[in-house]
C-alpha atoms as a PDB file:
ATOM      1  CA  UNK A   1     -59.259 -39.265  33.626  1.00  0.00           C
ATOM      2  CA  UNK A   2     -56.392 -40.370  31.322  1.00  0.00           C
ATOM      3  CA  UNK A   3     -52.913 -38.907  31.941  1.00  0.00           C
ATOM      4  CA  UNK A   4     -51.573 -36.751  29.112  1.00  0.00           C
ATOM      5  CA  UNK A   5     -48.710 -38.402  27.284  1.00  0.00           C
ATOM      6  CA  UNK A   6     -45.440 -36.539  27.102  1.00  0.00           C
ATOM      7  CA  UNK A   7     -43.081 -36.535  24.101  1.00  0.00           C
ATOM      8  CA  UNK A   8     -40.531 -38.720  25.830  1.00  0.00           C
ATOM      9  CA  UNK A   9     -43.069 -41.305  26.788  1.00  0.00           C
ATOM     10  CA  UNK A  10     -44.446 -41.233  23.235  1.00  0.00           C
ATOM     11  CA  UNK A  11     -40.991 -41.869  21.808  1.00  0.00           C
ATOM     12  CA  UNK A  12     -40.063 -44.739  24.139  1.00  0.00           C
ATOM     13  CA  UNK A  13     -43.468 -46.386  24.259  1.00  0.00           C
ATOM     14  CA  UNK A  14     -43.134 -49.839  22.732  1.00  0.00           C
ATOM     15  CA  UNK A  15     -45.402 -51.047  19.945  1.00  0.00           C
ATOM     16  CA  UNK A  16     -45.892 -54.406  18.328  1.00  0.00           C
ATOM     17  CA  UNK A  17     -46.447 -54.836  14.596  1.00  0.00           C
ATOM     18  CA  UNK A  18     -48.082 -58.167  13.775  1.00  0.00           C
ATOM     19  CA  UNK A  19     -48.364 -59.469  10.225  1.00  0.00           C
ATOM     20  CA  UNK A  20     -51.160 -62.028   9.689  1.00  0.00           C
ATOM     21  CA  UNK A  21     -52.401 -64.097   6.788  1.00  0.00           C
ATOM     22  CA  UNK A  22     -55.443 -62.448   5.230  1.00  0.00           C
ATOM     23  CA  UNK A  23     -57.296 -65.706   4.718  1.00  0.00           C
ATOM     24  CA  UNK A  24     -56.912 -67.508   8.064  1.00  0.00           C
ATOM     25  CA  UNK A  25     -55.440 -64.705  10.188  1.00  0.00           C
ATOM     26  CA  UNK A  26     -52.451 -66.889  10.962  1.00  0.00           C
ATOM     27  CA  UNK A  27     -49.594 -64.926  12.519  1.00  0.00           C
ATOM     28  CA  UNK A  28     -46.612 -64.679  10.144  1.00  0.00           C
ATOM     29  CA  UNK A  29     -44.239 -62.114  11.662  1.00  0.00           C
ATOM     30  CA  UNK A  30     -44.065 -59.715  14.565  1.00  0.00           C
ATOM     31  CA  UNK A  31     -41.952 -56.585  14.943  1.00  0.00           C
ATOM     32  CA  UNK A  32     -41.388 -54.671  18.142  1.00  0.00           C
ATOM     33  CA  UNK A  33     -40.503 -51.002  17.734  1.00  0.00           C
ATOM     34  CA  UNK A  34     -40.628 -47.557  19.241  1.00  0.00           C
ATOM     35  CA  UNK A  35     -41.004 -44.230  17.537  1.00  0.00           C
ATOM     36  CA  UNK A  36     -37.549 -43.274  18.692  1.00  0.00           C
ATOM     37  CA  UNK A  37     -36.016 -46.219  16.795  1.00  0.00           C
ATOM     38  CA  UNK A  38     -38.084 -45.448  13.708  1.00  0.00           C
ATOM     39  CA  UNK A  39     -36.936 -41.818  13.687  1.00  0.00           C
ATOM     40  CA  UNK A  40     -33.295 -42.804  14.260  1.00  0.00           C
ATOM     41  CA  UNK A  41     -33.388 -45.386  11.479  1.00  0.00           C
ATOM     42  CA  UNK A  42     -34.988 -42.863   9.097  1.00  0.00           C
ATOM     43  CA  UNK A  43     -32.298 -40.267   9.869  1.00  0.00           C
ATOM     44  CA  UNK A  44     -29.513 -42.807   9.242  1.00  0.00           C
ATOM     45  CA  UNK A  45     -31.070 -43.833   5.932  1.00  0.00           C
ATOM     46  CA  UNK A  46     -31.393 -40.173   4.924  1.00  0.00           C
ATOM     47  CA  UNK A  47     -27.752 -39.388   5.761  1.00  0.00           C
ATOM     48  CA  UNK A  48     -26.500 -42.446   3.865  1.00  0.00           C
ATOM     49  CA  UNK A  49     -28.569 -41.577   0.805  1.00  0.00           C
ATOM     50  CA  UNK A  50     -27.337 -37.970   0.984  1.00  0.00           C
ATOM     51  CA  UNK A  51     -23.691 -39.063   1.070  1.00  0.00           C
ATOM     52  CA  UNK A  52     -24.227 -41.444  -1.839  1.00  0.00           C
ATOM     53  CA  UNK A  53     -25.893 -38.674  -3.840  1.00  0.00           C
ATOM     54  CA  UNK A  54     -23.030 -36.247  -3.170  1.00  0.00           C
ATOM     55  CA  UNK A  55     -20.504 -38.892  -4.194  1.00  0.00           C
ATOM     56  CA  UNK A  56     -22.353 -39.565  -7.440  1.00  0.00           C
ATOM     57  CA  UNK A  57     -22.622 -35.841  -8.175  1.00  0.00           C
ATOM     58  CA  UNK A  58     -18.877 -35.343  -7.727  1.00  0.00           C
ATOM     59  CA  UNK A  59     -17.861 -38.407  -9.751  1.00  0.00           C
ATOM     60  CA  UNK A  60     -20.147 -40.169 -12.182  1.00  0.00           C
ATOM     61  CA  UNK A  61     -22.746 -37.458 -12.685  1.00  0.00           C
ATOM     62  CA  UNK A  62     -20.012 -34.868 -13.066  1.00  0.00           C
ATOM     63  CA  UNK A  63     -18.486 -36.930 -15.864  1.00  0.00           C
ATOM     64  CA  UNK A  64     -21.822 -37.446 -17.573  1.00  0.00           C
ATOM     65  CA  UNK A  65     -23.302 -33.961 -17.404  1.00  0.00           C
ATOM     66  CA  UNK A  66     -20.391 -31.510 -16.977  1.00  0.00           C
ATOM     67  CA  UNK A  67     -19.231 -30.422 -20.488  1.00  0.00           C
ATOM     68  CA  UNK A  68     -15.900 -29.205 -19.079  1.00  0.00           C
ATOM     69  CA  UNK A  69     -14.901 -32.623 -17.782  1.00  0.00           C
ATOM     70  CA  UNK A  70     -14.139 -34.124 -21.205  1.00  0.00           C
ATOM     71  CA  UNK A  71     -12.142 -31.030 -22.173  1.00  0.00           C
ATOM     72  CA  UNK A  72     -10.125 -31.192 -18.953  1.00  0.00           C
ATOM     73  CA  UNK A  73      -9.389 -34.889 -19.467  1.00  0.00           C
ATOM     74  CA  UNK A  74      -8.396 -34.266 -23.091  1.00  0.00           C
ATOM     75  CA  UNK A  75      -6.047 -31.450 -22.026  1.00  0.00           C
ATOM     76  CA  UNK A  76      -4.482 -33.679 -19.380  1.00  0.00           C
ATOM     77  CA  UNK A  77      -3.885 -36.513 -21.852  1.00  0.00           C
ATOM     78  CA  UNK A  78      -2.547 -34.037 -24.420  1.00  0.00           C
ATOM     79  CA  UNK A  79      -0.085 -32.629 -21.898  1.00  0.00           C
ATOM     80  CA  UNK A  80       1.134 -36.136 -21.013  1.00  0.00           C
ATOM     81  CA  UNK A  81       1.584 -37.019 -24.690  1.00  0.00           C
ATOM     82  CA  UNK A  82       3.481 -33.776 -25.342  1.00  0.00           C
ATOM     83  CA  UNK A  83       5.929 -34.577 -22.538  1.00  0.00           C
ATOM     84  CA  UNK A  84       6.461 -38.080 -23.930  1.00  0.00           C
ATOM     85  CA  UNK A  85       6.940 -36.800 -27.490  1.00  0.00           C
ATOM     86  CA  UNK A  86       9.451 -34.220 -26.284  1.00  0.00           C
ATOM     87  CA  UNK A  87      11.451 -36.907 -24.457  1.00  0.00           C
ATOM     88  CA  UNK A  88      11.344 -39.208 -27.491  1.00  0.00           C
ATOM     89  CA  UNK A  89      12.466 -36.367 -29.775  1.00  0.00           C
ATOM     90  CA  UNK A  90      15.496 -35.748 -27.575  1.00  0.00           C
ATOM     91  CA  UNK A  91      16.341 -39.458 -27.539  1.00  0.00           C
ATOM     92  CA  UNK A  92      16.001 -39.714 -31.339  1.00  0.00           C
ATOM     93  CA  UNK A  93      18.178 -36.640 -31.839  1.00  0.00           C
ATOM     94  CA  UNK A  94      20.850 -38.076 -29.547  1.00  0.00           C
ATOM     95  CA  UNK A  95      20.743 -41.451 -31.348  1.00  0.00           C
ATOM     96  CA  UNK A  96      20.901 -39.805 -34.781  1.00  0.00           C
ATOM     97  CA  UNK A  97      23.901 -37.736 -33.726  1.00  0.00           C
ATOM     98  CA  UNK A  98      25.651 -40.848 -32.433  1.00  0.00           C
ATOM     99  CA  UNK A  99      24.912 -42.841 -35.607  1.00  0.00           C
ATOM    100  CA  UNK A 100      26.083 -40.009 -37.894  1.00  0.00           C
ATOM    101  CA  UNK A 101      29.343 -39.642 -35.979  1.00  0.00           C
ATOM    102  CA  UNK A 102      29.806 -43.396 -35.990  1.00  0.00           C
ATOM    103  CA  UNK A 103      29.312 -43.528 -39.762  1.00  0.00           C
ATOM    104  CA  UNK A 104      31.955 -40.823 -40.149  1.00  0.00           C
ATOM    105  CA  UNK A 105      34.357 -42.969 -38.136  1.00  0.00           C
ATOM    106  CA  UNK A 106      33.686 -45.997 -40.353  1.00  0.00           C
ATOM    107  CA  UNK A 107      34.109 -43.922 -43.516  1.00  0.00           C
ATOM    108  CA  UNK A 108      37.332 -42.377 -42.261  1.00  0.00           C
ATOM    109  CA  UNK A 109      35.915 -38.846 -41.971  1.00  0.00           C
ATOM    110  CA  UNK A 110      36.449 -36.527 -39.049  1.00  0.00           C
ATOM    111  CA  UNK A 111      33.866 -36.719 -36.296  1.00  0.00           C
ATOM    112  CA  UNK A 112      31.936 -33.549 -35.529  1.00  0.00           C
ATOM    113  CA  UNK A 113      32.091 -32.894 -31.805  1.00  0.00           C
ATOM    114  CA  UNK A 114      28.685 -31.708 -30.683  1.00  0.00           C
ATOM    115  CA  UNK A 115      27.853 -30.370 -27.254  1.00  0.00           C
ATOM    116  CA  UNK A 116      25.114 -31.995 -25.235  1.00  0.00           C
ATOM    117  CA  UNK A 117      23.522 -28.539 -24.927  1.00  0.00           C
ATOM    118  CA  UNK A 118      23.362 -26.958 -28.403  1.00  0.00           C
ATOM    119  CA  UNK A 119      22.744 -23.520 -26.891  1.00  0.00           C
ATOM    120  CA  UNK A 120      26.131 -23.519 -25.173  1.00  0.00           C
ATOM    121  CA  UNK A 121      28.593 -21.955 -27.579  1.00  0.00           C
ATOM    122  CA  UNK A 122      32.031 -20.616 -26.963  1.00  0.00           C
ATOM    123  CA  UNK A 123      32.754 -17.230 -28.458  1.00  0.00           C
ATOM    124  CA  UNK A 124      36.383 -17.501 -29.394  1.00  0.00           C
ATOM    125  CA  UNK A 125      38.260 -15.414 -31.890  1.00  0.00           C
ATOM    126  CA  UNK A 126      39.687 -17.620 -34.663  1.00  0.00           C
ATOM    127  CA  UNK A 127      43.455 -17.819 -34.777  1.00  0.00           C
ATOM    128  CA  UNK A 128      44.976 -17.145 -38.185  1.00  0.00           C
ATOM    129  CA  UNK A 129      48.232 -18.409 -39.574  1.00  0.00           C
ATOM    130  CA  UNK A 130      49.571 -14.849 -39.552  1.00  0.00           C
ATOM    131  CA  UNK A 131      49.440 -14.787 -35.741  1.00  0.00           C
ATOM    132  CA  UNK A 132      51.141 -18.151 -35.260  1.00  0.00           C
ATOM    133  CA  UNK A 133      54.304 -19.118 -37.012  1.00  0.00           C
ATOM    134  CA  UNK A 134      54.002 -22.841 -37.576  1.00  0.00           C
ATOM    135  CA  UNK A 135      57.508 -23.142 -38.940  1.00  0.00           C
ATOM    136  CA  UNK A 136      59.219 -21.729 -35.873  1.00  0.00           C
ATOM    137  CA  UNK A 137      59.635 -24.923 -33.802  1.00  0.00           C
ATOM    138  CA  UNK A 138      62.479 -25.180 -31.353  1.00  0.00           C
ATOM    139  CA  UNK A 139      64.978 -28.055 -31.748  1.00  0.00           C
ATOM    140  CA  UNK A 140      63.891 -29.452 -28.371  1.00  0.00           C
ATOM    141  CA  UNK A 141      60.240 -29.562 -29.458  1.00  0.00           C
ATOM    142  CA  UNK A 142      61.181 -31.123 -32.779  1.00  0.00           C
ATOM    143  CA  UNK A 143      63.236 -33.844 -31.128  1.00  0.00           C
ATOM    144  CA  UNK A 144      60.485 -34.562 -28.611  1.00  0.00           C
ATOM    145  CA  UNK A 145      57.883 -34.763 -31.387  1.00  0.00           C
ATOM    146  CA  UNK A 146      60.009 -37.192 -33.394  1.00  0.00           C
ATOM    147  CA  UNK A 147      60.621 -39.394 -30.350  1.00  0.00           C
ATOM    148  CA  UNK A 148      56.915 -39.360 -29.452  1.00  0.00           C
ATOM    149  CA  UNK A 149      55.790 -40.257 -32.981  1.00  0.00           C
ATOM    150  CA  UNK A 150      58.175 -43.205 -33.081  1.00  0.00           C
ATOM    151  CA  UNK A 151      57.068 -44.523 -29.691  1.00  0.00           C
ATOM    152  CA  UNK A 152      54.017 -46.683 -28.965  1.00  0.00           C
ATOM    153  CA  UNK A 153      52.459 -43.850 -26.967  1.00  0.00           C
ATOM    154  CA  UNK A 154      51.663 -41.989 -30.160  1.00  0.00           C
ATOM    155  CA  UNK A 155      48.970 -44.590 -30.810  1.00  0.00           C
ATOM    156  CA  UNK A 156      45.830 -44.906 -28.813  1.00  0.00           C
ATOM    157  CA  UNK A 157      46.359 -47.540 -26.159  1.00  0.00           C
ATOM    158  CA  UNK A 158      43.119 -49.450 -26.140  1.00  0.00           C
ATOM    159  CA  UNK A 159      44.272 -52.999 -25.484  1.00  0.00           C
ATOM    160  CA  UNK A 160      44.274 -52.641 -21.701  1.00  0.00           C
ATOM    161  CA  UNK A 161      42.015 -54.325 -19.215  1.00  0.00           C
ATOM    162  CA  UNK A 162      38.423 -53.106 -19.380  1.00  0.00           C
ATOM    163  CA  UNK A 163      36.516 -54.265 -16.362  1.00  0.00           C
ATOM    164  CA  UNK A 164      33.104 -53.443 -17.812  1.00  0.00           C
ATOM    165  CA  UNK A 165      33.776 -55.385 -21.005  1.00  0.00           C
ATOM    166  CA  UNK A 166      35.166 -58.406 -19.176  1.00  0.00           C
ATOM    167  CA  UNK A 167      31.948 -58.672 -17.166  1.00  0.00           C
ATOM    168  CA  UNK A 168      29.943 -59.222 -20.394  1.00  0.00           C
ATOM    169  CA  UNK A 169      29.844 -62.714 -21.921  1.00  0.00           C
ATOM    170  CA  UNK A 170      30.484 -62.358 -25.647  1.00  0.00           C
ATOM    171  CA  UNK A 171      29.579 -65.043 -28.180  1.00  0.00           C
ATOM    172  CA  UNK A 172      31.926 -65.875 -31.019  1.00  0.00           C
ATOM    173  CA  UNK A 173      30.637 -64.273 -34.226  1.00  0.00           C
ATOM    174  CA  UNK A 174      32.166 -66.978 -36.404  1.00  0.00           C
ATOM    175  CA  UNK A 175      33.826 -70.379 -36.120  1.00  0.00           C
ATOM    176  CA  UNK A 176      37.126 -70.039 -37.963  1.00  0.00           C
ATOM    177  CA  UNK A 177      40.740 -68.975 -37.566  1.00  0.00           C
ATOM    178  CA  UNK A 178      42.252 -65.503 -37.365  1.00  0.00           C
ATOM    179  CA  UNK A 179      44.213 -64.725 -40.531  1.00  0.00           C
ATOM    180  CA  UNK A 180      45.098 -61.110 -39.629  1.00  0.00           C
ATOM    181  CA  UNK A 181      45.305 -60.066 -35.973  1.00  0.00           C
ATOM    182  CA  UNK A 182      44.530 -56.716 -34.366  1.00  0.00           C
ATOM    183  CA  UNK A 183      47.320 -54.192 -35.069  1.00  0.00           C
ATOM    184  CA  UNK A 184      47.049 -50.509 -34.160  1.00  0.00           C
ATOM    185  CA  UNK A 185      50.363 -49.525 -35.764  1.00  0.00           C
ATOM    186  CA  UNK A 186      49.178 -50.749 -39.158  1.00  0.00           C
ATOM    187  CA  UNK A 187      45.717 -49.240 -38.717  1.00  0.00           C
ATOM    188  CA  UNK A 188      44.056 -52.645 -38.493  1.00  0.00           C
ATOM    189  CA  UNK A 189      41.422 -52.005 -35.800  1.00  0.00           C
ATOM    190  CA  UNK A 190      39.964 -55.503 -35.817  1.00  0.00           C
ATOM    191  CA  UNK A 191      40.668 -59.123 -36.683  1.00  0.00           C
ATOM    192  CA  UNK A 192      40.118 -61.005 -39.941  1.00  0.00           C
ATOM    193  CA  UNK A 193      38.433 -64.370 -39.438  1.00  0.00           C
ATOM    194  CA  UNK A 194      38.444 -66.928 -42.258  1.00  0.00           C
ATOM    195  CA  UNK A 195      35.692 -69.562 -42.353  1.00  0.00           C
ATOM    196  CA  UNK A 196      33.656 -71.676 -44.747  1.00  0.00           C
ATOM    197  CA  UNK A 197      31.705 -70.138 -47.612  1.00  0.00           C
ATOM    198  CA  UNK A 198      28.215 -68.885 -46.719  1.00  0.00           C
ATOM    199  CA  UNK A 199      28.958 -69.326 -43.013  1.00  0.00           C
ATOM    200  CA  UNK A 200      26.455 -67.370 -40.844  1.00  0.00           C
ATOM    201  CA  UNK A 201      27.765 -64.479 -38.760  1.00  0.00           C
ATOM    202  CA  UNK A 202      26.281 -64.223 -35.254  1.00  0.00           C
ATOM    203  CA  UNK A 203      25.837 -61.281 -32.920  1.00  0.00           C
ATOM    204  CA  UNK A 204      28.190 -61.364 -29.937  1.00  0.00           C
ATOM    205  CA  UNK A 205      25.662 -59.954 -27.417  1.00  0.00           C
ATOM    206  CA  UNK A 206      22.207 -58.436 -27.094  1.00  0.00           C
ATOM    207  CA  UNK A 207      21.922 -55.058 -28.789  1.00  0.00           C
ATOM    208  CA  UNK A 208      20.392 -52.801 -31.408  1.00  0.00           C
ATOM    209  CA  UNK A 209      21.529 -52.474 -35.026  1.00  0.00           C
ATOM    210  CA  UNK A 210      22.790 -48.906 -35.569  1.00  0.00           C
ATOM    211  CA  UNK A 211      24.234 -49.383 -39.064  1.00  0.00           C
ATOM    212  CA  UNK A 212      23.460 -51.761 -41.918  1.00  0.00           C
ATOM    213  CA  UNK A 213      24.648 -50.476 -45.287  1.00  0.00           C
ATOM    214  CA  UNK A 214      27.164 -50.706 -48.115  1.00  0.00           C
ATOM    215  CA  UNK A 215      30.550 -48.964 -48.106  1.00  0.00           C
ATOM    216  CA  UNK A 216      33.071 -48.874 -50.920  1.00  0.00           C
ATOM    217  CA  UNK A 217      36.004 -50.162 -48.857  1.00  0.00           C
ATOM    218  CA  UNK A 218      34.287 -52.612 -46.501  1.00  0.00           C
ATOM    219  CA  UNK A 219      31.340 -53.819 -48.608  1.00  0.00           C
ATOM    220  CA  UNK A 220      28.269 -54.765 -46.598  1.00  0.00           C
ATOM    221  CA  UNK A 221      28.781 -53.543 -43.028  1.00  0.00           C
ATOM    222  CA  UNK A 222      26.570 -54.046 -39.987  1.00  0.00           C
ATOM    223  CA  UNK A 223      27.185 -52.514 -36.549  1.00  0.00           C
ATOM    224  CA  UNK A 224      25.392 -53.358 -33.291  1.00  0.00           C
ATOM    225  CA  UNK A 225      25.181 -51.147 -30.194  1.00  0.00           C
ATOM    226  CA  UNK A 226      25.420 -53.109 -26.915  1.00  0.00           C
ATOM    227  CA  UNK A 227      25.249 -52.048 -23.281  1.00  0.00           C
ATOM    228  CA  UNK A 228      28.189 -50.339 -21.525  1.00  0.00           C
ATOM    229  CA  UNK A 229      28.846 -48.234 -24.680  1.00  0.00           C
ATOM    230  CA  UNK A 230      30.114 -51.287 -26.562  1.00  0.00           C
ATOM    231  CA  UNK A 231      29.791 -51.445 -30.358  1.00  0.00           C
ATOM    232  CA  UNK A 232      30.590 -54.480 -32.527  1.00  0.00           C
ATOM    233  CA  UNK A 233      31.243 -54.102 -36.276  1.00  0.00           C
ATOM    234  CA  UNK A 234      31.063 -56.829 -38.938  1.00  0.00           C
ATOM    235  CA  UNK A 235      32.525 -56.021 -42.399  1.00  0.00           C
ATOM    236  CA  UNK A 236      32.847 -57.619 -45.883  1.00  0.00           C
ATOM    237  CA  UNK A 237      29.571 -59.532 -45.552  1.00  0.00           C
ATOM    238  CA  UNK A 238      27.894 -61.145 -48.525  1.00  0.00           C
ATOM    239  CA  UNK A 239      24.407 -60.330 -47.227  1.00  0.00           C
ATOM    240  CA  UNK A 240      22.897 -58.450 -44.283  1.00  0.00           C
ATOM    241  CA  UNK A 241      19.958 -60.073 -42.491  1.00  0.00           C
ATOM    242  CA  UNK A 242      19.047 -57.233 -40.099  1.00  0.00           C
ATOM    243  CA  UNK A 243      18.024 -53.611 -40.591  1.00  0.00           C
ATOM    244  CA  UNK A 244      18.818 -50.460 -38.641  1.00  0.00           C
ATOM    245  CA  UNK A 245      16.783 -50.292 -35.438  1.00  0.00           C
ATOM    246  CA  UNK A 246      16.318 -54.057 -35.155  1.00  0.00           C
ATOM    247  CA  UNK A 247      16.945 -55.598 -31.738  1.00  0.00           C
ATOM    248  CA  UNK A 248      19.104 -58.723 -31.906  1.00  0.00           C
ATOM    249  CA  UNK A 249      19.821 -61.316 -29.266  1.00  0.00           C
ATOM    250  CA  UNK A 250      23.195 -62.790 -28.413  1.00  0.00           C
ATOM    251  CA  UNK A 251      24.034 -65.584 -30.852  1.00  0.00           C
ATOM    252  CA  UNK A 252      21.407 -64.495 -33.403  1.00  0.00           C
ATOM    253  CA  UNK A 253      22.443 -64.602 -37.090  1.00  0.00           C
ATOM    254  CA  UNK A 254      22.813 -61.084 -38.516  1.00  0.00           C
ATOM    255  CA  UNK A 255      24.732 -61.610 -41.794  1.00  0.00           C
ATOM    256  CA  UNK A 256      26.525 -64.056 -44.108  1.00  0.00           C
ATOM    257  CA  UNK A 257      30.302 -64.124 -44.514  1.00  0.00           C
ATOM    258  CA  UNK A 258      31.453 -62.702 -47.830  1.00  0.00           C
ATOM    259  CA  UNK A 259      34.097 -60.964 -49.908  1.00  0.00           C
ATOM    260  CA  UNK A 260      32.565 -57.552 -50.609  1.00  0.00           C
ATOM    261  CA  UNK A 261      34.369 -54.219 -50.703  1.00  0.00           C
ATOM    262  CA  UNK A 262      37.684 -53.015 -52.136  1.00  0.00           C
ATOM    263  CA  UNK A 263      39.793 -53.800 -49.034  1.00  0.00           C
ATOM    264  CA  UNK A 264      39.440 -57.569 -49.166  1.00  0.00           C
ATOM    265  CA  UNK A 265      41.439 -60.394 -50.715  1.00  0.00           C
ATOM    266  CA  UNK A 266      39.129 -63.332 -50.083  1.00  0.00           C
ATOM    267  CA  UNK A 267      36.047 -64.476 -48.189  1.00  0.00           C
ATOM    268  CA  UNK A 268      36.437 -63.524 -44.533  1.00  0.00           C
ATOM    269  CA  UNK A 269      34.917 -61.497 -41.710  1.00  0.00           C
ATOM    270  CA  UNK A 270      36.573 -58.333 -40.481  1.00  0.00           C
ATOM    271  CA  UNK A 271      35.393 -57.969 -36.870  1.00  0.00           C
ATOM    272  CA  UNK A 272      35.916 -54.900 -34.666  1.00  0.00           C
ATOM    273  CA  UNK A 273      35.067 -53.978 -31.077  1.00  0.00           C
ATOM    274  CA  UNK A 274      34.734 -50.364 -29.903  1.00  0.00           C
ATOM    275  CA  UNK A 275      34.339 -49.426 -26.233  1.00  0.00           C
ATOM    276  CA  UNK A 276      33.548 -45.822 -25.284  1.00  0.00           C
ATOM    277  CA  UNK A 277      34.734 -44.708 -28.735  1.00  0.00           C
ATOM    278  CA  UNK A 278      38.065 -46.588 -28.511  1.00  0.00           C
ATOM    279  CA  UNK A 279      38.976 -49.744 -30.409  1.00  0.00           C
ATOM    280  CA  UNK A 280      39.932 -52.838 -28.422  1.00  0.00           C
ATOM    281  CA  UNK A 281      41.514 -56.124 -29.412  1.00  0.00           C
ATOM    282  CA  UNK A 282      38.648 -58.591 -30.011  1.00  0.00           C
ATOM    283  CA  UNK A 283      40.869 -61.606 -29.284  1.00  0.00           C
ATOM    284  CA  UNK A 284      41.146 -60.502 -25.633  1.00  0.00           C
ATOM    285  CA  UNK A 285      37.413 -60.911 -25.120  1.00  0.00           C
ATOM    286  CA  UNK A 286      36.145 -63.306 -27.836  1.00  0.00           C
ATOM    287  CA  UNK A 287      37.265 -66.854 -28.598  1.00  0.00           C
ATOM    288  CA  UNK A 288      37.280 -67.636 -32.317  1.00  0.00           C
END
């Protein structure tokens, strides 16, 4: 009488799978297995396939079949673009305000002081001439005012040592000789450099053109914004070779020397340097 097989013995009982050639019954391959190994291998394959299916459902299939996915992605990209546009709008507004104020300085107009936060306003009551007597000045104040106006302190002292500017290597805009030096007392905020006719004018450092236009007094004027709040100005040009917004490299030709404008008596370049809104003597930093 045969003994009844138990489940454990059925699972661990070893079997041999032989693969033979159909024509000559030659043995090709043999595989030894148990039902326990077959069940374990099937479970592993099932779990792996289940995980792969869940991954595809949450990723690729979700993108293909979920109609909300495209809308969510479009909203995310739109939000990112709105943040970038808002930042660019603030930068453009700041640059436009700087350029407008700079043009007022070049044209001799008063500069409008604008707060960084337009919403911050100061509610002050305007003072009228009836409340303040401008003619009632004490003799001591009058004497002090006269002494101050006659002294050098009444002018803006901008010819000192600027560490930031001295760390920048500045090219010479023109090969020539200085015919009129920098003089604050006479209101000459730059130097006049005389050179050959049609001599090219070069940019002193890397920067961006913030002004390139015609003015009645200075003729064709071009101004370049550099790093460290440095601005270089080139006046009385015969022709401008760069436009506003153009990036120029150090030593790159930006204009041609000329004799344009009312405040000129011959072909030359009037060159100015402005650091943090103050004029500086170009001869202290540039070799002509």
